[in-house]
């Protein structure tokens, strides 16, 4: 009889330990799931922010490319030869160049575009 009681007591202890471990690991699993959800939300927010910044940057770059085309500078160069030594600003983004600086810049651009 004593062994049966001892065996039943050990089985109860074992069942209680199994239940305790299940509860502990369920809590840990839920905590990890919450952490993953928070990380995912953070990543989504960062992705949206970066996408928005990229769109703004693309718009700005496409505007700059339109402003700084070789065609525009060749027209400015022709204007500079006829009207003096300084190339006028054709657009707010186009800086003023002295004739030497402008020709140096166009030589760099032409050699870069040809290669």
N, C-alpha and C. Protein backbone atom coordinates (compact mmCIF):
# COMPACT_ATOMS: atom_id res chain seq x y z
N UNK A 1 0.79 -1.18 0.00
CA UNK A 1 0.00 0.00 0.00
C UNK A 1 0.85 1.27 0.00
N UNK A 2 1.89 1.23 0.73
CA UNK A 2 2.76 2.39 0.84
C UNK A 2 3.36 2.75 -0.51
N UNK A 3 3.75 1.77 -1.30
CA UNK A 3 4.32 2.05 -2.61
C UNK A 3 3.28 2.62 -3.56
N UNK A 4 2.04 2.14 -3.44
CA UNK A 4 0.98 2.69 -4.29
C UNK A 4 0.72 4.16 -3.96
N UNK A 5 0.69 4.47 -2.67
CA UNK A 5 0.48 5.87 -2.26
C UNK A 5 1.65 6.74 -2.72
N UNK A 6 2.85 6.20 -2.56
CA UNK A 6 4.04 6.93 -2.98
C UNK A 6 4.04 7.13 -4.50
N UNK A 7 3.62 6.11 -5.24
CA UNK A 7 3.53 6.20 -6.69
C UNK A 7 2.49 7.23 -7.11
N UNK A 8 1.32 7.24 -6.47
CA UNK A 8 0.28 8.22 -6.77
C UNK A 8 0.76 9.64 -6.47
N UNK A 9 1.47 9.79 -5.35
CA UNK A 9 1.99 11.11 -4.99
C UNK A 9 3.00 11.59 -6.03
N UNK A 10 3.88 10.72 -6.47
CA UNK A 10 4.87 11.08 -7.49
C UNK A 10 4.19 11.42 -8.82
N UNK A 11 3.13 10.68 -9.18
CA UNK A 11 2.39 10.98 -10.40
C UNK A 11 1.73 12.35 -10.32
N UNK A 12 1.19 12.70 -9.15
CA UNK A 12 0.59 14.02 -8.97
C UNK A 12 1.65 15.11 -9.08
N UNK A 13 2.80 14.88 -8.45
CA UNK A 13 3.90 15.85 -8.53
C UNK A 13 4.35 16.02 -9.98
N UNK A 14 4.45 14.90 -10.68
CA UNK A 14 4.87 14.95 -12.08
C UNK A 14 3.84 15.72 -12.92
N UNK A 15 2.55 15.46 -12.71
CA UNK A 15 1.50 16.15 -13.46
C UNK A 15 1.52 17.65 -13.15
N UNK A 16 1.75 18.00 -11.87
CA UNK A 16 1.82 19.41 -11.49
C UNK A 16 3.04 20.07 -12.15
N UNK A 17 4.16 19.36 -12.18
CA UNK A 17 5.37 19.92 -12.82
C UNK A 17 5.16 20.10 -14.32
N UNK A 18 4.52 19.14 -14.98
CA UNK A 18 4.22 19.24 -16.41
C UNK A 18 3.32 20.45 -16.65
N UNK A 19 2.31 20.62 -15.82
CA UNK A 19 1.39 21.76 -15.97
C UNK A 19 2.15 23.08 -15.77
N UNK A 20 3.03 23.14 -14.76
CA UNK A 20 3.79 24.35 -14.50
C UNK A 20 4.68 24.70 -15.70
N UNK A 21 5.35 23.70 -16.26
CA UNK A 21 6.23 23.92 -17.41
C UNK A 21 5.40 24.36 -18.62
N UNK A 22 4.24 23.76 -18.82
CA UNK A 22 3.37 24.16 -19.93
C UNK A 22 2.95 25.62 -19.79
N UNK A 23 2.55 26.01 -18.59
CA UNK A 23 2.13 27.39 -18.36
C UNK A 23 3.31 28.34 -18.60
N UNK A 24 4.48 27.97 -18.08
CA UNK A 24 5.68 28.81 -18.25
C UNK A 24 6.01 29.00 -19.72
N UNK A 25 6.04 27.90 -20.47
CA UNK A 25 6.41 27.99 -21.89
C UNK A 25 5.33 28.65 -22.73
N UNK A 26 4.07 28.49 -22.34
CA UNK A 26 3.00 29.19 -23.04
C UNK A 26 3.18 30.70 -22.87
N UNK A 27 3.50 31.12 -21.65
CA UNK A 27 3.75 32.54 -21.40
C UNK A 27 4.94 33.06 -22.20
N UNK A 28 6.02 32.27 -22.23
CA UNK A 28 7.20 32.69 -22.99
C UNK A 28 6.89 32.78 -24.48
N UNK A 29 6.13 31.81 -24.98
CA UNK A 29 5.77 31.80 -26.40
C UNK A 29 4.91 33.02 -26.74
N UNK A 30 3.95 33.32 -25.88
CA UNK A 30 3.10 34.49 -26.12
C UNK A 30 3.92 35.77 -26.07
N UNK A 31 4.87 35.83 -25.15
CA UNK A 31 5.73 37.01 -25.05
C UNK A 31 6.56 37.18 -26.33
N UNK A 32 7.09 36.08 -26.83
CA UNK A 32 7.87 36.15 -28.07
C UNK A 32 6.99 36.56 -29.25
N UNK A 33 5.77 36.05 -29.29
CA UNK A 33 4.85 36.44 -30.36
C UNK A 33 4.56 37.94 -30.31
N UNK A 34 4.36 38.47 -29.12
CA UNK A 34 4.12 39.91 -28.98
C UNK A 34 5.34 40.71 -29.42
N UNK A 35 6.53 40.23 -29.03
CA UNK A 35 7.76 40.92 -29.44
C UNK A 35 7.90 40.92 -30.96
N UNK A 36 7.61 39.77 -31.58
CA UNK A 36 7.69 39.69 -33.04
C UNK A 36 6.69 40.63 -33.71
N UNK A 37 5.48 40.70 -33.17
CA UNK A 37 4.48 41.61 -33.73
C UNK A 37 4.95 43.06 -33.64
N UNK A 38 5.52 43.44 -32.49
CA UNK A 38 6.02 44.80 -32.32
C UNK A 38 7.17 45.09 -33.28
N UNK A 39 8.07 44.12 -33.43
CA UNK A 39 9.20 44.30 -34.35
C UNK A 39 8.68 44.44 -35.78
N UNK A 40 7.70 43.65 -36.15
CA UNK A 40 7.13 43.71 -37.49
C UNK A 40 6.49 45.07 -37.74
N UNK A 41 5.74 45.58 -36.75
CA UNK A 41 5.12 46.90 -36.89
C UNK A 41 6.19 47.98 -37.07
N UNK A 42 7.25 47.89 -36.28
CA UNK A 42 8.34 48.86 -36.38
C UNK A 42 8.99 48.81 -37.76
N UNK A 43 9.23 47.61 -38.25
CA UNK A 43 9.84 47.46 -39.57
C UNK A 43 8.92 48.01 -40.65
N UNK A 44 7.62 47.74 -40.54
CA UNK A 44 6.67 48.29 -41.52
C UNK A 44 6.68 49.81 -41.52
N UNK A 45 6.73 50.42 -40.33
CA UNK A 45 6.77 51.88 -40.23
C UNK A 45 8.04 52.43 -40.87
N UNK A 46 9.17 51.78 -40.59
CA UNK A 46 10.44 52.23 -41.17
C UNK A 46 10.41 52.08 -42.69
N UNK A 47 9.82 50.98 -43.16
CA UNK A 47 9.72 50.76 -44.60
C UNK A 47 8.87 51.84 -45.27
N UNK A 48 7.75 52.18 -44.65
CA UNK A 48 6.90 53.25 -45.20
C UNK A 48 7.64 54.57 -45.22
N UNK A 49 8.38 54.87 -44.15
CA UNK A 49 9.13 56.13 -44.08
C UNK A 49 10.20 56.17 -45.17
N UNK A 50 10.94 55.07 -45.33
CA UNK A 50 12.00 55.03 -46.34
C UNK A 50 11.40 55.15 -47.73
N UNK A 51 10.29 54.45 -47.98
CA UNK A 51 9.63 54.53 -49.28
C UNK A 51 9.21 55.96 -49.58
N UNK A 52 8.65 56.63 -48.58
CA UNK A 52 8.23 58.02 -48.76
C UNK A 52 9.44 58.91 -49.06
N UNK A 53 10.55 58.70 -48.35
CA UNK A 53 11.76 59.48 -48.59
C UNK A 53 12.31 59.21 -49.99
N UNK A 54 12.28 57.95 -50.42
CA UNK A 54 12.78 57.59 -51.75
C UNK A 54 11.95 58.28 -52.83
N UNK A 55 10.63 58.32 -52.64
CA UNK A 55 9.77 58.97 -53.63
C UNK A 55 10.11 60.45 -53.72
N UNK A 56 10.30 61.09 -52.56
CA UNK A 56 10.66 62.51 -52.57
C UNK A 56 12.00 62.72 -53.23
N UNK A 57 12.95 61.83 -52.94
CA UNK A 57 14.28 61.94 -53.53
C UNK A 57 14.23 61.74 -55.04
N UNK A 58 13.43 60.78 -55.51
CA UNK A 58 13.31 60.56 -56.95
C UNK A 58 12.72 61.78 -57.64
N UNK A 59 11.71 62.39 -57.01
CA UNK A 59 11.12 63.60 -57.59
C UNK A 59 12.16 64.72 -57.66
N UNK A 60 12.91 64.89 -56.58
CA UNK A 60 13.93 65.94 -56.54
C UNK A 60 15.01 65.68 -57.58
N UNK A 61 15.46 64.41 -57.67
CA UNK A 61 16.52 64.07 -58.63
C UNK A 61 16.03 64.25 -60.06
N UNK A 62 14.81 63.86 -60.35
CA UNK A 62 14.32 64.02 -61.72
C UNK A 62 14.22 65.51 -62.07
N UNK A 63 13.88 66.32 -61.09
CA UNK A 63 13.84 67.77 -61.31
C UNK A 63 15.25 68.31 -61.55
N UNK A 64 16.21 67.85 -60.74
CA UNK A 64 17.59 68.30 -60.91
C UNK A 64 18.16 67.86 -62.25
N UNK A 65 17.86 66.64 -62.66
CA UNK A 65 18.37 66.16 -63.95
C UNK A 65 17.83 67.03 -65.07
N UNK A 66 16.56 67.41 -64.98
CA UNK A 66 15.98 68.28 -65.99
C UNK A 66 16.65 69.65 -65.99
N UNK A 67 17.07 70.11 -64.82
CA UNK A 67 17.69 71.44 -64.71
C UNK A 67 19.13 71.44 -65.21
N UNK A 68 19.84 70.34 -65.07
CA UNK A 68 21.27 70.30 -65.36
C UNK A 68 21.62 69.48 -66.60
N UNK A 69 20.80 69.49 -67.58
CA UNK A 69 21.09 68.74 -68.80
C UNK A 69 22.19 69.44 -69.60
N UNK A 70 22.99 68.69 -70.36
CA UNK A 70 24.01 69.31 -71.21
C UNK A 70 23.40 70.29 -72.20
N UNK A 71 22.19 70.03 -72.67
CA UNK A 71 21.53 70.94 -73.60
C UNK A 71 21.36 72.31 -72.96
N UNK A 72 20.91 72.34 -71.72
CA UNK A 72 20.71 73.61 -71.02
C UNK A 72 22.04 74.34 -70.89
N UNK A 73 23.11 73.62 -70.55
CA UNK A 73 24.40 74.28 -70.40
C UNK A 73 24.98 74.72 -71.74
N UNK A 74 24.70 73.97 -72.80
CA UNK A 74 25.20 74.43 -74.10
C UNK A 74 24.50 75.72 -74.49
N UNK A 75 23.20 75.83 -74.18
CA UNK A 75 22.48 77.07 -74.45
C UNK A 75 23.03 78.20 -73.59
N UNK A 76 23.35 77.89 -72.33
CA UNK A 76 23.93 78.91 -71.45
C UNK A 76 25.29 79.35 -71.96
N UNK A 77 26.05 78.40 -72.48
CA UNK A 77 27.38 78.73 -73.01
C UNK A 77 27.26 79.69 -74.19
N UNK A 78 26.32 79.41 -75.08
CA UNK A 78 26.12 80.31 -76.22
C UNK A 78 25.71 81.69 -75.74
N UNK A 79 24.88 81.75 -74.73
CA UNK A 79 24.44 83.02 -74.17
C UNK A 79 25.62 83.76 -73.54
N UNK A 80 26.51 83.02 -72.87
CA UNK A 80 27.66 83.65 -72.21
C UNK A 80 28.61 84.25 -73.23
N UNK A 81 28.81 83.58 -74.36
CA UNK A 81 29.72 84.11 -75.38
C UNK A 81 29.19 85.40 -75.98
N UNK A 82 27.88 85.52 -76.06
CA UNK A 82 27.31 86.71 -76.69
C UNK A 82 27.09 87.85 -75.70
N UNK A 83 26.92 87.53 -74.40
CA UNK A 83 26.53 88.57 -73.45
C UNK A 83 27.56 88.87 -72.36
N UNK A 84 28.75 88.38 -72.42
CA UNK A 84 29.72 88.73 -71.39
C UNK A 84 30.39 87.52 -70.79
N UNK A 85 30.99 87.73 -69.64
CA UNK A 85 31.81 86.69 -69.03
C UNK A 85 31.08 85.80 -68.04
N UNK A 86 29.93 86.20 -67.58
CA UNK A 86 29.24 85.42 -66.56
C UNK A 86 28.01 84.77 -67.16
N UNK A 87 27.84 83.51 -66.83
CA UNK A 87 26.68 82.78 -67.32
C UNK A 87 25.50 83.10 -66.41
N UNK A 88 24.40 83.57 -66.95
CA UNK A 88 23.26 83.95 -66.11
C UNK A 88 22.58 82.71 -65.54
N UNK A 89 21.89 82.91 -64.45
CA UNK A 89 21.11 81.82 -63.87
C UNK A 89 19.85 81.63 -64.71
N UNK A 90 19.71 80.44 -65.28
CA UNK A 90 18.52 80.15 -66.06
C UNK A 90 17.46 79.52 -65.17
N UNK A 91 17.89 79.04 -64.01
CA UNK A 91 17.01 78.34 -63.11
C UNK A 91 17.56 78.52 -61.70
N UNK A 92 16.73 78.50 -60.68
CA UNK A 92 17.24 78.71 -59.32
C UNK A 92 18.29 77.70 -58.89
N UNK A 93 18.29 76.50 -59.48
CA UNK A 93 19.26 75.49 -59.08
C UNK A 93 20.57 75.59 -59.84
N UNK A 94 20.63 76.42 -60.85
CA UNK A 94 21.84 76.54 -61.66
C UNK A 94 22.71 77.63 -61.05
N UNK A 95 23.90 77.28 -60.54
CA UNK A 95 24.76 78.30 -59.95
C UNK A 95 25.42 79.15 -61.02
N UNK A 96 25.91 80.31 -60.63
CA UNK A 96 26.62 81.16 -61.58
C UNK A 96 28.05 80.66 -61.71
N UNK A 97 28.54 80.61 -62.92
CA UNK A 97 29.90 80.19 -63.20
C UNK A 97 30.61 81.31 -63.94
N UNK A 98 31.90 81.44 -63.66
CA UNK A 98 32.68 82.29 -64.56
C UNK A 98 32.88 81.50 -65.84
N UNK A 99 33.28 82.14 -66.90
CA UNK A 99 33.40 81.45 -68.18
C UNK A 99 34.39 80.29 -68.09
N UNK A 100 35.51 80.50 -67.41
CA UNK A 100 36.51 79.43 -67.27
C UNK A 100 35.98 78.24 -66.49
N UNK A 101 35.30 78.52 -65.39
CA UNK A 101 34.72 77.44 -64.60
C UNK A 101 33.69 76.68 -65.41
N UNK A 102 32.88 77.40 -66.16
CA UNK A 102 31.84 76.77 -66.95
C UNK A 102 32.44 75.85 -68.01
N UNK A 103 33.46 76.34 -68.71
CA UNK A 103 34.06 75.52 -69.76
C UNK A 103 34.77 74.31 -69.17
N UNK A 104 35.37 74.48 -68.00
CA UNK A 104 35.99 73.33 -67.34
C UNK A 104 34.91 72.31 -66.99
N UNK A 105 33.79 72.77 -66.48
CA UNK A 105 32.70 71.86 -66.12
C UNK A 105 32.15 71.15 -67.35
N UNK A 106 31.97 71.87 -68.47
CA UNK A 106 31.42 71.24 -69.67
C UNK A 106 32.40 70.25 -70.25
N UNK A 107 33.71 70.52 -70.18
CA UNK A 107 34.70 69.55 -70.66
C UNK A 107 34.62 68.27 -69.85
N UNK A 108 34.49 68.41 -68.55
CA UNK A 108 34.36 67.22 -67.69
C UNK A 108 33.11 66.46 -68.07
N UNK A 109 32.00 67.15 -68.26
CA UNK A 109 30.75 66.49 -68.60
C UNK A 109 30.83 65.82 -69.97
N UNK A 110 31.44 66.48 -70.93
CA UNK A 110 31.52 65.90 -72.28
C UNK A 110 32.41 64.67 -72.28
N UNK A 111 33.53 64.71 -71.57
CA UNK A 111 34.40 63.53 -71.54
C UNK A 111 33.73 62.41 -70.77
N UNK A 112 32.99 62.72 -69.74
CA UNK A 112 32.28 61.69 -68.98
C UNK A 112 31.18 61.07 -69.82
N UNK A 113 30.46 61.88 -70.56
CA UNK A 113 29.35 61.36 -71.38
C UNK A 113 29.85 60.56 -72.58
N UNK A 114 31.01 60.90 -73.12
CA UNK A 114 31.53 60.18 -74.29
C UNK A 114 32.05 58.80 -73.94
N UNK A 115 32.56 58.63 -72.74
CA UNK A 115 33.17 57.34 -72.40
C UNK A 115 32.19 56.33 -71.93
